[in-house]
Amino acid sequence: MKKLLLSLALAPAVLLAPTAWAGATDDLLDRLQTLKSMKGEFEQVVLDQGGTHMQEATGRFQVARGNQFYWLTETPYEQMAASDGETVWVYDKDLEQVVVRPLSQDLGQTPALLFGGKPADVAKAFSISERDNQGGEVTYRLTPKGQDPLFDQLDVTFKGDEPASMRLQDALGQQTVIDFKTLTLNGGIDSSLFHFEPPEGTDVIQQQQ
């Protein structure tokens, strides 16, 4: 269960699709272009195919351009994932264990890069459409183009100019919903958190890409 923590009339539609998709892509990329960094708190829920809650978690995070991220799950178990743009550390405090591996540049494998990577790479990695737009809230659906993605679809919702939530769905219909809270955009980042030095006595497991 802990792994769940670390763990969005056919003819007329075909005729209109290129314009609609191009507009959604440009709109999302414009939003991401203005987002240099983001930090805040999160609430995460994992649902099975029938909508039953399998796991809940809360914590805090920060991401910054350059594929840098820090994601700390505080409840129900303390786990941390961080990257300086080249290396990823996944630390389990209870197990006194850290897994170290190169950062995959595949956005389909690393959803955090949506906010910390290059916006142009998002358009290369995903087919993008607008799923909903009302009341100042817009949701984009991203479908990975690559092979063997971590998820089948990713919905990302903005309220005004702020990211509000992400919803990831895998091939089995399991969904992970992440709501962002108390956000700070483009400032207040502690860059030291993007690198991790294991505490003395920690079991270090090196993995290759």
N, C-alpha and C. Protein backbone atom coordinates (compact mmCIF):
# COMPACT_ATOMS: atom_id res chain seq x y z
N MET A 1 0.81 -1.21 0.00
CA MET A 1 0.00 0.00 0.00
C MET A 1 0.85 1.27 0.00
N LYS A 2 2.04 1.17 0.59
CA LYS A 2 2.87 2.37 0.67
C LYS A 2 3.29 2.84 -0.70
N LYS A 3 3.40 1.90 -1.66
CA LYS A 3 3.80 2.27 -3.01
C LYS A 3 2.74 3.16 -3.66
N LEU A 4 1.51 3.09 -3.19
CA LEU A 4 0.44 3.88 -3.78
C LEU A 4 0.63 5.38 -3.52
N LEU A 5 1.44 5.70 -2.50
CA LEU A 5 1.64 7.10 -2.16
C LEU A 5 2.42 7.82 -3.24
N LEU A 6 3.47 7.02 -3.70
CA LEU A 6 4.35 7.65 -4.68
C LEU A 6 3.92 7.21 -6.07
N SER A 7 4.13 7.60 -5.55
CA SER A 7 3.43 7.24 -6.53
C SER A 7 3.70 8.12 -6.40
N LEU A 8 -4.66 11.68 -16.01
CA LEU A 8 -5.23 13.10 -15.69
C LEU A 8 -5.25 13.27 -17.79
N ALA A 9 -21.69 11.12 -32.83
CA ALA A 9 -21.54 12.00 -34.00
C ALA A 9 -20.07 12.14 -34.30
N LEU A 10 -19.27 11.09 -34.68
CA LEU A 10 -17.83 11.04 -34.85
C LEU A 10 -17.35 11.94 -35.97
N ALA A 11 -18.06 12.05 -37.04
CA ALA A 11 -17.61 12.85 -38.18
C ALA A 11 -17.38 14.30 -37.79
N PRO A 12 -18.36 15.00 -37.17
CA PRO A 12 -18.11 16.38 -36.75
C PRO A 12 -16.94 16.49 -35.78
N ALA A 13 -16.81 15.50 -34.91
CA ALA A 13 -15.71 15.56 -33.94
C ALA A 13 -14.36 15.49 -34.66
N VAL A 14 -14.26 14.62 -35.64
CA VAL A 14 -13.01 14.51 -36.39
C VAL A 14 -12.70 15.79 -37.13
N LEU A 15 -13.70 16.43 -37.68
CA LEU A 15 -13.49 17.66 -38.45
C LEU A 15 -13.03 18.80 -37.56
N LEU A 16 -13.52 18.84 -36.32
CA LEU A 16 -13.20 19.96 -35.44
C LEU A 16 -11.97 19.70 -34.57
N ALA A 17 -11.54 18.44 -34.50
CA ALA A 17 -10.50 18.08 -33.55
C ALA A 17 -9.20 18.87 -33.71
N PRO A 18 -8.61 19.05 -34.92
CA PRO A 18 -7.33 19.73 -35.01
C PRO A 18 -7.33 21.11 -34.39
N THR A 19 -8.39 21.91 -34.66
CA THR A 19 -8.46 23.26 -34.10
C THR A 19 -8.61 23.22 -32.60
N ALA A 20 -9.50 22.35 -32.12
CA ALA A 20 -9.76 22.28 -30.69
C ALA A 20 -8.52 21.84 -29.93
N TRP A 21 -7.82 20.82 -30.44
CA TRP A 21 -6.65 20.31 -29.75
C TRP A 21 -5.51 21.31 -29.80
N ALA A 22 -5.32 21.97 -30.93
CA ALA A 22 -4.26 22.97 -31.03
C ALA A 22 -4.50 24.10 -30.04
N GLY A 23 -5.77 24.52 -29.89
CA GLY A 23 -6.08 25.58 -28.96
C GLY A 23 -5.82 25.18 -27.53
N ALA A 24 -6.19 23.96 -27.17
CA ALA A 24 -5.95 23.47 -25.82
C ALA A 24 -4.46 23.37 -25.53
N THR A 25 -3.70 22.87 -26.49
CA THR A 25 -2.25 22.74 -26.32
C THR A 25 -1.61 24.10 -26.10
N ASP A 26 -1.93 25.06 -26.95
CA ASP A 26 -1.34 26.40 -26.83
C ASP A 26 -1.73 27.05 -25.50
N ASP A 27 -2.98 26.86 -25.08
CA ASP A 27 -3.46 27.46 -23.84
C ASP A 27 -2.71 26.88 -22.64
N LEU A 28 -2.58 25.55 -22.60
CA LEU A 28 -1.86 24.92 -21.49
C LEU A 28 -0.39 25.31 -21.48
N LEU A 29 0.24 25.33 -22.64
CA LEU A 29 1.66 25.69 -22.69
C LEU A 29 1.89 27.13 -22.25
N ASP A 30 0.95 28.02 -22.59
CA ASP A 30 1.05 29.41 -22.13
C ASP A 30 1.01 29.48 -20.61
N ARG A 31 0.14 28.68 -20.00
CA ARG A 31 0.04 28.67 -18.54
C ARG A 31 1.34 28.13 -17.92
N LEU A 32 1.86 27.06 -18.50
CA LEU A 32 3.08 26.46 -17.96
C LEU A 32 4.29 27.36 -18.16
N GLN A 33 4.29 28.14 -19.25
CA GLN A 33 5.42 29.02 -19.55
C GLN A 33 5.61 30.07 -18.47
N THR A 34 4.53 30.52 -17.86
CA THR A 34 4.62 31.55 -16.81
C THR A 34 4.96 30.95 -15.45
N LEU A 35 4.94 29.62 -15.36
CA LEU A 35 5.16 28.95 -14.09
C LEU A 35 6.62 28.51 -13.98
N LYS A 36 7.41 29.29 -13.27
CA LYS A 36 8.83 28.97 -13.11
C LYS A 36 9.07 28.06 -11.90
N SER A 37 8.23 28.20 -10.89
CA SER A 37 8.33 27.35 -9.71
C SER A 37 6.98 27.34 -8.98
N MET A 38 6.81 26.36 -8.12
CA MET A 38 5.56 26.23 -7.38
C MET A 38 5.83 25.44 -6.11
N LYS A 39 5.25 25.88 -5.01
CA LYS A 39 5.36 25.11 -3.78
C LYS A 39 4.06 25.23 -3.01
N GLY A 40 3.84 24.26 -2.13
CA GLY A 40 2.62 24.27 -1.34
C GLY A 40 2.42 22.94 -0.63
N GLU A 41 1.16 22.67 -0.30
CA GLU A 41 0.78 21.43 0.35
C GLU A 41 -0.10 20.62 -0.60
N PHE A 42 -0.23 19.33 -0.33
CA PHE A 42 -1.08 18.51 -1.18
C PHE A 42 -1.89 17.53 -0.34
N GLU A 43 -3.04 17.16 -0.90
CA GLU A 43 -3.86 16.07 -0.36
C GLU A 43 -4.04 15.06 -1.49
N GLN A 44 -3.75 13.80 -1.23
CA GLN A 44 -3.76 12.77 -2.27
C GLN A 44 -4.70 11.64 -1.87
N VAL A 45 -5.52 11.20 -2.84
CA VAL A 45 -6.43 10.08 -2.63
C VAL A 45 -6.24 9.10 -3.78
N VAL A 46 -6.12 7.82 -3.45
CA VAL A 46 -6.05 6.75 -4.45
C VAL A 46 -7.37 6.00 -4.44
N LEU A 47 -7.99 5.88 -5.62
CA LEU A 47 -9.29 5.23 -5.77
C LEU A 47 -9.17 4.01 -6.67
N ASP A 48 -9.91 2.95 -6.34
CA ASP A 48 -9.91 1.81 -7.24
C ASP A 48 -10.90 2.04 -8.38
N GLN A 49 -11.05 1.07 -9.25
CA GLN A 49 -11.90 1.22 -10.43
C GLN A 49 -13.33 1.56 -10.07
N GLY A 50 -13.80 1.11 -8.91
CA GLY A 50 -15.17 1.38 -8.49
C GLY A 50 -15.33 2.66 -7.69
N GLY A 51 -14.23 3.38 -7.48
CA GLY A 51 -14.30 4.63 -6.73
C GLY A 51 -14.08 4.51 -5.24
N THR A 52 -13.73 3.31 -4.77
CA THR A 52 -13.48 3.10 -3.34
C THR A 52 -12.11 3.65 -2.96
N HIS A 53 -12.06 4.36 -1.82
CA HIS A 53 -10.80 4.91 -1.34
C HIS A 53 -9.87 3.78 -0.91
N MET A 54 -8.70 3.74 -1.49
CA MET A 54 -7.70 2.74 -1.14
C MET A 54 -6.62 3.32 -0.23
N GLN A 55 -6.33 4.60 -0.39
CA GLN A 55 -5.25 5.22 0.36
C GLN A 55 -5.42 6.73 0.33
N GLU A 56 -5.08 7.39 1.42
CA GLU A 56 -5.06 8.85 1.50
C GLU A 56 -3.72 9.28 2.05
N ALA A 57 -3.27 10.44 1.61
CA ALA A 57 -1.98 10.96 2.08
C ALA A 57 -1.99 12.48 2.02
N THR A 58 -1.17 13.08 2.85
CA THR A 58 -0.98 14.53 2.82
C THR A 58 0.50 14.83 2.94
N GLY A 59 0.88 16.02 2.50
CA GLY A 59 2.27 16.42 2.61
C GLY A 59 2.52 17.77 1.99
N ARG A 60 3.76 18.02 1.64
CA ARG A 60 4.14 19.29 1.04
C ARG A 60 5.12 19.03 -0.10
N PHE A 61 5.26 20.02 -0.96
CA PHE A 61 6.06 19.82 -2.17
C PHE A 61 6.60 21.15 -2.68
N GLN A 62 7.57 21.05 -3.58
CA GLN A 62 7.98 22.19 -4.38
C GLN A 62 8.57 21.66 -5.68
N VAL A 63 8.35 22.41 -6.76
CA VAL A 63 8.91 22.07 -8.07
C VAL A 63 9.48 23.34 -8.68
N ALA A 64 10.48 23.19 -9.53
CA ALA A 64 11.09 24.35 -10.17
C ALA A 64 11.60 23.95 -11.55
N ARG A 65 11.65 24.92 -12.45
CA ARG A 65 12.15 24.69 -13.80
C ARG A 65 13.55 24.08 -13.74
N GLY A 66 13.81 23.19 -14.68
CA GLY A 66 15.06 22.44 -14.65
C GLY A 66 14.86 21.02 -14.17
N ASN A 67 13.57 20.57 -14.17
CA ASN A 67 13.22 19.20 -13.74
C ASN A 67 13.58 18.94 -12.29
N GLN A 68 13.43 19.96 -11.46
CA GLN A 68 13.73 19.83 -10.04
C GLN A 68 12.42 19.69 -9.25
N PHE A 69 12.41 18.74 -8.32
CA PHE A 69 11.22 18.61 -7.49
C PHE A 69 11.56 18.04 -6.12
N TYR A 70 10.68 18.31 -5.17
CA TYR A 70 10.77 17.79 -3.81
C TYR A 70 9.34 17.46 -3.39
N TRP A 71 9.11 16.21 -3.02
CA TRP A 71 7.76 15.75 -2.70
C TRP A 71 7.83 14.96 -1.39
N LEU A 72 7.29 15.53 -0.31
CA LEU A 72 7.37 14.90 1.00
C LEU A 72 5.97 14.47 1.45
N THR A 73 5.76 13.17 1.54
CA THR A 73 4.53 12.64 2.11
C THR A 73 4.73 12.55 3.61
N GLU A 74 3.84 13.22 4.36
CA GLU A 74 3.98 13.27 5.82
C GLU A 74 3.06 12.28 6.53
N THR A 75 1.86 12.07 5.98
CA THR A 75 0.93 11.09 6.54
C THR A 75 0.35 10.27 5.40
N PRO A 76 0.06 8.98 5.62
CA PRO A 76 0.20 8.22 6.87
C PRO A 76 1.61 7.72 7.14
N TYR A 77 2.49 7.75 6.13
CA TYR A 77 3.88 7.35 6.29
C TYR A 77 4.77 8.46 5.75
N GLU A 78 5.92 8.65 6.37
CA GLU A 78 6.83 9.66 5.87
C GLU A 78 7.71 9.07 4.77
N GLN A 79 7.54 9.61 3.57
CA GLN A 79 8.36 9.24 2.43
C GLN A 79 8.71 10.50 1.66
N MET A 80 9.86 10.49 1.01
CA MET A 80 10.34 11.67 0.30
C MET A 80 10.88 11.27 -1.07
N ALA A 81 10.55 12.08 -2.08
CA ALA A 81 11.15 11.95 -3.40
C ALA A 81 11.68 13.31 -3.81
N ALA A 82 12.91 13.34 -4.28
CA ALA A 82 13.52 14.61 -4.68
C ALA A 82 14.38 14.40 -5.91
N SER A 83 14.54 15.47 -6.69
CA SER A 83 15.42 15.43 -7.85
C SER A 83 16.05 16.78 -8.08
N ASP A 84 17.32 16.75 -8.46
CA ASP A 84 18.03 17.98 -8.81
C ASP A 84 18.06 18.19 -10.32
N GLY A 85 17.27 17.39 -11.04
CA GLY A 85 17.22 17.50 -12.49
C GLY A 85 18.01 16.40 -13.19
N GLU A 86 18.84 15.69 -12.44
CA GLU A 86 19.63 14.60 -13.00
C GLU A 86 19.45 13.30 -12.22
N THR A 87 19.39 13.40 -10.90
CA THR A 87 19.29 12.24 -10.03
C THR A 87 18.00 12.30 -9.22
N VAL A 88 17.39 11.14 -8.98
CA VAL A 88 16.21 11.03 -8.13
C VAL A 88 16.57 10.24 -6.88
N TRP A 89 16.14 10.75 -5.73
CA TRP A 89 16.27 10.05 -4.47
C TRP A 89 14.87 9.76 -3.93
N VAL A 90 14.59 8.51 -3.58
CA VAL A 90 13.32 8.13 -2.97
C VAL A 90 13.65 7.54 -1.61
N TYR A 91 13.29 8.27 -0.55
CA TYR A 91 13.71 7.92 0.80
C TYR A 91 12.53 7.48 1.65
N ASP A 92 12.68 6.32 2.28
CA ASP A 92 11.69 5.80 3.22
C ASP A 92 12.29 5.86 4.62
N LYS A 93 11.75 6.75 5.42
CA LYS A 93 12.33 6.96 6.75
C LYS A 93 12.18 5.73 7.63
N ASP A 94 11.00 5.08 7.59
CA ASP A 94 10.77 3.92 8.45
C ASP A 94 11.72 2.77 8.11
N LEU A 95 11.96 2.56 6.83
CA LEU A 95 12.84 1.47 6.40
C LEU A 95 14.31 1.85 6.45
N GLU A 96 14.59 3.14 6.67
CA GLU A 96 15.96 3.66 6.64
C GLU A 96 16.63 3.25 5.34
N GLN A 97 15.94 3.56 4.24
CA GLN A 97 16.39 3.13 2.92
C GLN A 97 16.15 4.23 1.89
N VAL A 98 17.10 4.42 0.99
CA VAL A 98 16.95 5.38 -0.09
C VAL A 98 17.31 4.70 -1.40
N VAL A 99 16.45 4.88 -2.40
CA VAL A 99 16.71 4.39 -3.74
C VAL A 99 17.21 5.56 -4.58
N VAL A 100 18.32 5.39 -5.25
CA VAL A 100 18.94 6.44 -6.05
C VAL A 100 18.98 5.99 -7.50
N ARG A 101 18.48 6.81 -8.39
CA ARG A 101 18.46 6.44 -9.82
C ARG A 101 18.53 7.70 -10.67
N PRO A 102 18.91 7.56 -11.93
CA PRO A 102 18.88 8.72 -12.84
C PRO A 102 17.45 9.16 -13.08
N LEU A 103 17.25 10.45 -13.30
CA LEU A 103 15.92 10.97 -13.59
C LEU A 103 15.52 10.64 -15.02
N SER A 104 14.37 10.03 -15.18
CA SER A 104 13.84 9.78 -16.52
C SER A 104 13.29 11.08 -17.09
N GLN A 105 13.65 11.39 -18.33
CA GLN A 105 13.13 12.59 -18.98
C GLN A 105 11.78 12.34 -19.64
N ASP A 106 11.27 11.13 -19.50
CA ASP A 106 9.97 10.77 -20.06
C ASP A 106 8.87 11.28 -19.14
N LEU A 107 8.11 12.28 -19.59
CA LEU A 107 7.05 12.85 -18.76
C LEU A 107 5.96 11.83 -18.45
N GLY A 108 5.84 10.82 -19.31
CA GLY A 108 4.87 9.77 -19.06
C GLY A 108 5.24 8.89 -17.87
N GLN A 109 6.51 8.96 -17.46
CA GLN A 109 6.98 8.21 -16.31
C GLN A 109 7.13 9.08 -15.07
N THR A 110 7.21 10.39 -15.27
CA THR A 110 7.46 11.31 -14.16
C THR A 110 6.52 12.50 -14.26
N PRO A 111 5.28 12.39 -13.74
CA PRO A 111 4.29 13.47 -13.86
C PRO A 111 4.73 14.80 -13.26
N ALA A 112 5.62 14.76 -12.26
CA ALA A 112 6.07 16.01 -11.63
C ALA A 112 6.74 16.94 -12.62
N LEU A 113 7.28 16.37 -13.72
CA LEU A 113 7.96 17.20 -14.71
C LEU A 113 6.99 18.07 -15.51
N LEU A 114 5.70 17.82 -15.36
CA LEU A 114 4.71 18.68 -16.02
C LEU A 114 4.91 20.13 -15.59
N PHE A 115 5.19 20.34 -14.31
CA PHE A 115 5.37 21.69 -13.78
C PHE A 115 6.82 22.12 -13.67
N GLY A 116 7.76 21.17 -13.71
CA GLY A 116 9.15 21.53 -13.55
C GLY A 116 10.00 21.39 -14.79
N GLY A 117 9.40 20.84 -15.86
CA GLY A 117 10.16 20.64 -17.09
C GLY A 117 9.94 21.77 -18.08
N LYS A 118 10.39 21.56 -19.31
CA LYS A 118 10.21 22.55 -20.36
C LYS A 118 8.79 22.42 -20.93
N PRO A 119 8.03 23.52 -21.01
CA PRO A 119 6.68 23.44 -21.55
C PRO A 119 6.60 22.82 -22.94
N ALA A 120 7.59 23.10 -23.79
CA ALA A 120 7.58 22.54 -25.14
C ALA A 120 7.63 21.02 -25.12
N ASP A 121 8.28 20.45 -24.11
CA ASP A 121 8.38 19.00 -24.01
C ASP A 121 7.03 18.36 -23.69
N VAL A 122 6.14 19.13 -23.04
CA VAL A 122 4.82 18.61 -22.70
C VAL A 122 4.03 18.30 -23.97
N ALA A 123 4.11 19.20 -24.96
CA ALA A 123 3.40 18.99 -26.22
C ALA A 123 3.96 17.81 -26.99
N LYS A 124 5.26 17.54 -26.84
CA LYS A 124 5.87 16.39 -27.50
C LYS A 124 5.48 15.08 -26.85
N ALA A 125 5.27 15.12 -25.54
CA ALA A 125 5.02 13.90 -24.78
C ALA A 125 3.55 13.51 -24.71
N PHE A 126 2.64 14.50 -24.88
CA PHE A 126 1.22 14.24 -24.67
C PHE A 126 0.35 14.77 -25.82
N SER A 127 -0.76 14.07 -26.07
CA SER A 127 -1.86 14.63 -26.83
C SER A 127 -2.73 15.39 -25.83
N ILE A 128 -3.09 16.63 -26.13
CA ILE A 128 -3.74 17.50 -25.15
C ILE A 128 -5.10 17.95 -25.67
N SER A 129 -6.10 17.85 -24.83
CA SER A 129 -7.44 18.34 -25.17
C SER A 129 -8.02 19.06 -23.95
N GLU A 130 -9.02 19.88 -24.19
CA GLU A 130 -9.70 20.57 -23.10
C GLU A 130 -10.91 19.75 -22.69
N ARG A 131 -10.93 19.31 -21.45
CA ARG A 131 -12.00 18.43 -20.97
C ARG A 131 -13.16 19.21 -20.40
N ASP A 132 -12.89 20.34 -19.74
CA ASP A 132 -13.95 21.12 -19.11
C ASP A 132 -13.46 22.56 -18.95
N ASN A 133 -14.39 23.50 -19.06
CA ASN A 133 -14.05 24.91 -18.92
C ASN A 133 -15.29 25.68 -18.48
N GLN A 134 -15.33 26.05 -17.21
CA GLN A 134 -16.47 26.80 -16.71
C GLN A 134 -16.13 27.47 -15.39
N GLY A 135 -16.71 28.64 -15.20
CA GLY A 135 -16.55 29.35 -13.94
C GLY A 135 -15.12 29.68 -13.56
N GLY A 136 -14.27 29.96 -14.55
CA GLY A 136 -12.88 30.28 -14.25
C GLY A 136 -12.03 29.07 -13.96
N GLU A 137 -12.58 27.86 -14.15
CA GLU A 137 -11.86 26.63 -13.91
C GLU A 137 -11.78 25.83 -15.20
N VAL A 138 -10.58 25.45 -15.59
CA VAL A 138 -10.40 24.71 -16.84
C VAL A 138 -9.58 23.45 -16.57
N THR A 139 -10.00 22.36 -17.19
CA THR A 139 -9.32 21.07 -17.04
C THR A 139 -8.83 20.59 -18.39
N TYR A 140 -7.55 20.23 -18.44
CA TYR A 140 -6.95 19.69 -19.66
C TYR A 140 -6.71 18.19 -19.47
N ARG A 141 -6.94 17.44 -20.53
CA ARG A 141 -6.64 16.01 -20.49
C ARG A 141 -5.39 15.72 -21.32
N LEU A 142 -4.42 15.08 -20.70
CA LEU A 142 -3.16 14.74 -21.34
C LEU A 142 -3.08 13.23 -21.49
N THR A 143 -2.87 12.77 -22.72
CA THR A 143 -2.74 11.35 -23.00
C THR A 143 -1.32 11.08 -23.49
N PRO A 144 -0.57 10.25 -22.79
CA PRO A 144 0.84 10.01 -23.17
C PRO A 144 0.97 9.42 -24.57
N LYS A 145 1.99 9.90 -25.30
CA LYS A 145 2.28 9.38 -26.63
C LYS A 145 3.31 8.25 -26.59
N GLY A 146 4.07 8.16 -25.51
CA GLY A 146 5.18 7.22 -25.45
C GLY A 146 4.76 5.80 -25.12
N GLN A 147 5.76 4.93 -25.09
CA GLN A 147 5.56 3.52 -24.78
C GLN A 147 5.55 3.28 -23.27
N ASP A 148 4.68 2.39 -22.81
CA ASP A 148 4.64 1.95 -21.42
C ASP A 148 4.62 3.11 -20.42
N PRO A 149 3.66 4.03 -20.54
CA PRO A 149 3.59 5.15 -19.60
C PRO A 149 3.14 4.69 -18.22
N LEU A 150 3.43 5.50 -17.22
CA LEU A 150 3.02 5.21 -15.85
C LEU A 150 1.50 5.29 -15.71
N PHE A 151 0.86 6.09 -16.56
CA PHE A 151 -0.58 6.28 -16.48
C PHE A 151 -1.15 6.39 -17.90
N ASP A 152 -2.46 6.12 -18.05
CA ASP A 152 -3.12 6.19 -19.35
C ASP A 152 -3.59 7.59 -19.68
N GLN A 153 -3.98 8.34 -18.66
CA GLN A 153 -4.41 9.72 -18.89
C GLN A 153 -4.18 10.55 -17.64
N LEU A 154 -3.98 11.83 -17.85
CA LEU A 154 -3.74 12.77 -16.77
C LEU A 154 -4.61 14.00 -17.00
N ASP A 155 -5.46 14.30 -16.04
CA ASP A 155 -6.25 15.52 -16.07
C ASP A 155 -5.62 16.53 -15.13
N VAL A 156 -5.35 17.73 -15.61
CA VAL A 156 -4.82 18.79 -14.75
C VAL A 156 -5.77 19.97 -14.80
N THR A 157 -6.14 20.46 -13.64
CA THR A 157 -7.13 21.53 -13.52
C THR A 157 -6.49 22.80 -12.99
N PHE A 158 -6.83 23.92 -13.62
CA PHE A 158 -6.40 25.24 -13.18
C PHE A 158 -7.62 26.02 -12.69
N LYS A 159 -7.47 26.74 -11.59
CA LYS A 159 -8.45 27.72 -11.15
C LYS A 159 -7.80 29.09 -11.32
N GLY A 160 -8.29 29.84 -12.31
CA GLY A 160 -7.59 31.05 -12.68
C GLY A 160 -6.23 30.67 -13.25
N ASP A 161 -5.17 31.27 -12.70
CA ASP A 161 -3.83 30.97 -13.19
C ASP A 161 -3.11 29.91 -12.35
N GLU A 162 -3.78 29.42 -11.30
CA GLU A 162 -3.13 28.48 -10.39
C GLU A 162 -3.50 27.03 -10.68
N PRO A 163 -2.52 26.13 -10.70
CA PRO A 163 -2.85 24.70 -10.75
C PRO A 163 -3.65 24.33 -9.50
N ALA A 164 -4.74 23.60 -9.69
CA ALA A 164 -5.60 23.23 -8.56
C ALA A 164 -5.53 21.75 -8.23
N SER A 165 -5.40 20.90 -9.27
CA SER A 165 -5.40 19.46 -9.01
C SER A 165 -4.87 18.69 -10.21
N MET A 166 -4.51 17.43 -9.94
CA MET A 166 -4.14 16.46 -10.98
C MET A 166 -4.88 15.18 -10.70
N ARG A 167 -5.30 14.51 -11.76
CA ARG A 167 -5.96 13.21 -11.64
C ARG A 167 -5.32 12.26 -12.65
N LEU A 168 -4.70 11.21 -12.15
CA LEU A 168 -4.04 10.23 -13.01
C LEU A 168 -4.84 8.94 -13.00
N GLN A 169 -5.00 8.33 -14.16
CA GLN A 169 -5.69 7.05 -14.26
C GLN A 169 -4.83 6.04 -14.98
N ASP A 170 -4.69 4.84 -14.40
CA ASP A 170 -3.86 3.82 -15.02
C ASP A 170 -4.70 2.86 -15.86
N ALA A 171 -4.05 1.86 -16.43
CA ALA A 171 -4.72 0.94 -17.36
C ALA A 171 -5.79 0.11 -16.67
N LEU A 172 -5.72 -0.05 -15.35
CA LEU A 172 -6.70 -0.84 -14.62
C LEU A 172 -7.85 0.00 -14.09
N GLY A 173 -7.83 1.30 -14.39
CA GLY A 173 -8.90 2.19 -13.93
C GLY A 173 -8.66 2.78 -12.56
N GLN A 174 -7.53 2.45 -11.93
CA GLN A 174 -7.21 3.06 -10.64
C GLN A 174 -6.83 4.52 -10.83
N GLN A 175 -7.31 5.37 -9.95
CA GLN A 175 -7.08 6.80 -10.08
C GLN A 175 -6.35 7.36 -8.86
N THR A 176 -5.45 8.27 -9.11
CA THR A 176 -4.78 9.02 -8.06
C THR A 176 -5.14 10.49 -8.24
N VAL A 177 -5.77 11.07 -7.22
CA VAL A 177 -6.22 12.46 -7.27
C VAL A 177 -5.38 13.28 -6.30
N ILE A 178 -4.76 14.34 -6.80
CA ILE A 178 -3.89 15.18 -5.99
C ILE A 178 -4.44 16.60 -6.03
N ASP A 179 -4.84 17.13 -4.87
CA ASP A 179 -5.30 18.51 -4.76
C ASP A 179 -4.19 19.36 -4.16
N PHE A 180 -3.92 20.51 -4.79
CA PHE A 180 -2.88 21.42 -4.31
C PHE A 180 -3.49 22.48 -3.39
N LYS A 181 -2.77 22.79 -2.30
CA LYS A 181 -3.25 23.75 -1.31
C LYS A 181 -2.16 24.79 -1.02
N THR A 182 -2.60 25.97 -0.56
CA THR A 182 -1.71 27.06 -0.10
C THR A 182 -0.50 27.23 -1.01
N LEU A 183 -0.76 27.46 -2.27
CA LEU A 183 0.32 27.55 -3.26
C LEU A 183 1.05 28.88 -3.22
N THR A 184 2.34 28.80 -3.48
CA THR A 184 3.17 29.97 -3.77
C THR A 184 3.78 29.75 -5.15
N LEU A 185 3.54 30.67 -6.07
CA LEU A 185 4.05 30.53 -7.43
C LEU A 185 5.23 31.47 -7.65
N ASN A 186 6.25 30.96 -8.31
CA ASN A 186 7.39 31.77 -8.76
C ASN A 186 8.10 32.49 -7.63
N GLY A 187 8.34 31.77 -6.55
CA GLY A 187 9.09 32.38 -5.45
C GLY A 187 9.09 31.49 -4.22
N GLY A 188 10.03 31.81 -3.31
CA GLY A 188 10.06 31.12 -2.02
C GLY A 188 10.57 29.70 -2.06
N ILE A 189 11.35 29.35 -3.08
CA ILE A 189 11.84 27.98 -3.22
C ILE A 189 13.13 27.78 -2.43
N ASP A 190 13.21 26.67 -1.70
CA ASP A 190 14.44 26.27 -1.02
C ASP A 190 15.16 25.26 -1.90
N SER A 191 16.13 25.71 -2.67
CA SER A 191 16.79 24.85 -3.65
C SER A 191 17.58 23.72 -3.01
N SER A 192 17.91 23.84 -1.73
CA SER A 192 18.67 22.77 -1.07
C SER A 192 17.85 21.48 -0.96
N LEU A 193 16.52 21.59 -1.03
CA LEU A 193 15.66 20.42 -0.90
C LEU A 193 15.69 19.53 -2.15
N PHE A 194 16.22 20.05 -3.25
CA PHE A 194 16.26 19.28 -4.48
C PHE A 194 17.41 18.25 -4.49
N HIS A 195 18.25 18.29 -3.46
CA HIS A 195 19.34 17.33 -3.32
C HIS A 195 19.19 16.65 -1.97
N PHE A 196 19.51 15.37 -1.91
CA PHE A 196 19.32 14.61 -0.67
C PHE A 196 20.61 13.93 -0.26
N GLU A 197 20.97 14.14 1.00
CA GLU A 197 22.11 13.44 1.59
C GLU A 197 21.55 12.43 2.60
N PRO A 198 21.69 11.14 2.33
CA PRO A 198 21.12 10.14 3.24
C PRO A 198 21.71 10.25 4.64
N PRO A 199 20.87 10.11 5.66
CA PRO A 199 21.39 10.08 7.04
C PRO A 199 22.34 8.91 7.24
N GLU A 200 23.22 9.05 8.18
CA GLU A 200 24.18 7.98 8.48
C GLU A 200 23.44 6.70 8.83
N GLY A 201 23.88 5.60 8.25
CA GLY A 201 23.25 4.32 8.52
C GLY A 201 22.16 3.94 7.55
N THR A 202 21.83 4.84 6.62
CA THR A 202 20.78 4.56 5.64
C THR A 202 21.27 3.56 4.60
N ASP A 203 20.41 2.60 4.26
CA ASP A 203 20.72 1.63 3.21
C ASP A 203 20.51 2.30 1.86
N VAL A 204 21.56 2.41 1.06
CA VAL A 204 21.51 3.09 -0.23
C VAL A 204 21.43 2.05 -1.35
N ILE A 205 20.37 2.13 -2.15
CA ILE A 205 20.17 1.21 -3.27
C ILE A 205 20.31 1.98 -4.58
N GLN A 206 21.32 1.65 -5.34
CA GLN A 206 21.57 2.31 -6.62
C GLN A 206 20.83 1.55 -7.74
N GLN A 207 20.07 2.28 -8.54
CA GLN A 207 19.37 1.70 -9.66
C GLN A 207 19.80 2.39 -10.94
N GLN A 208 19.79 1.63 -12.03
CA GLN A 208 20.08 2.19 -13.35
C GLN A 208 18.77 2.50 -14.06
N GLN A 209 18.81 3.44 -15.00
CA GLN A 209 17.61 3.82 -15.75
C GLN A 209 17.08 2.64 -16.54
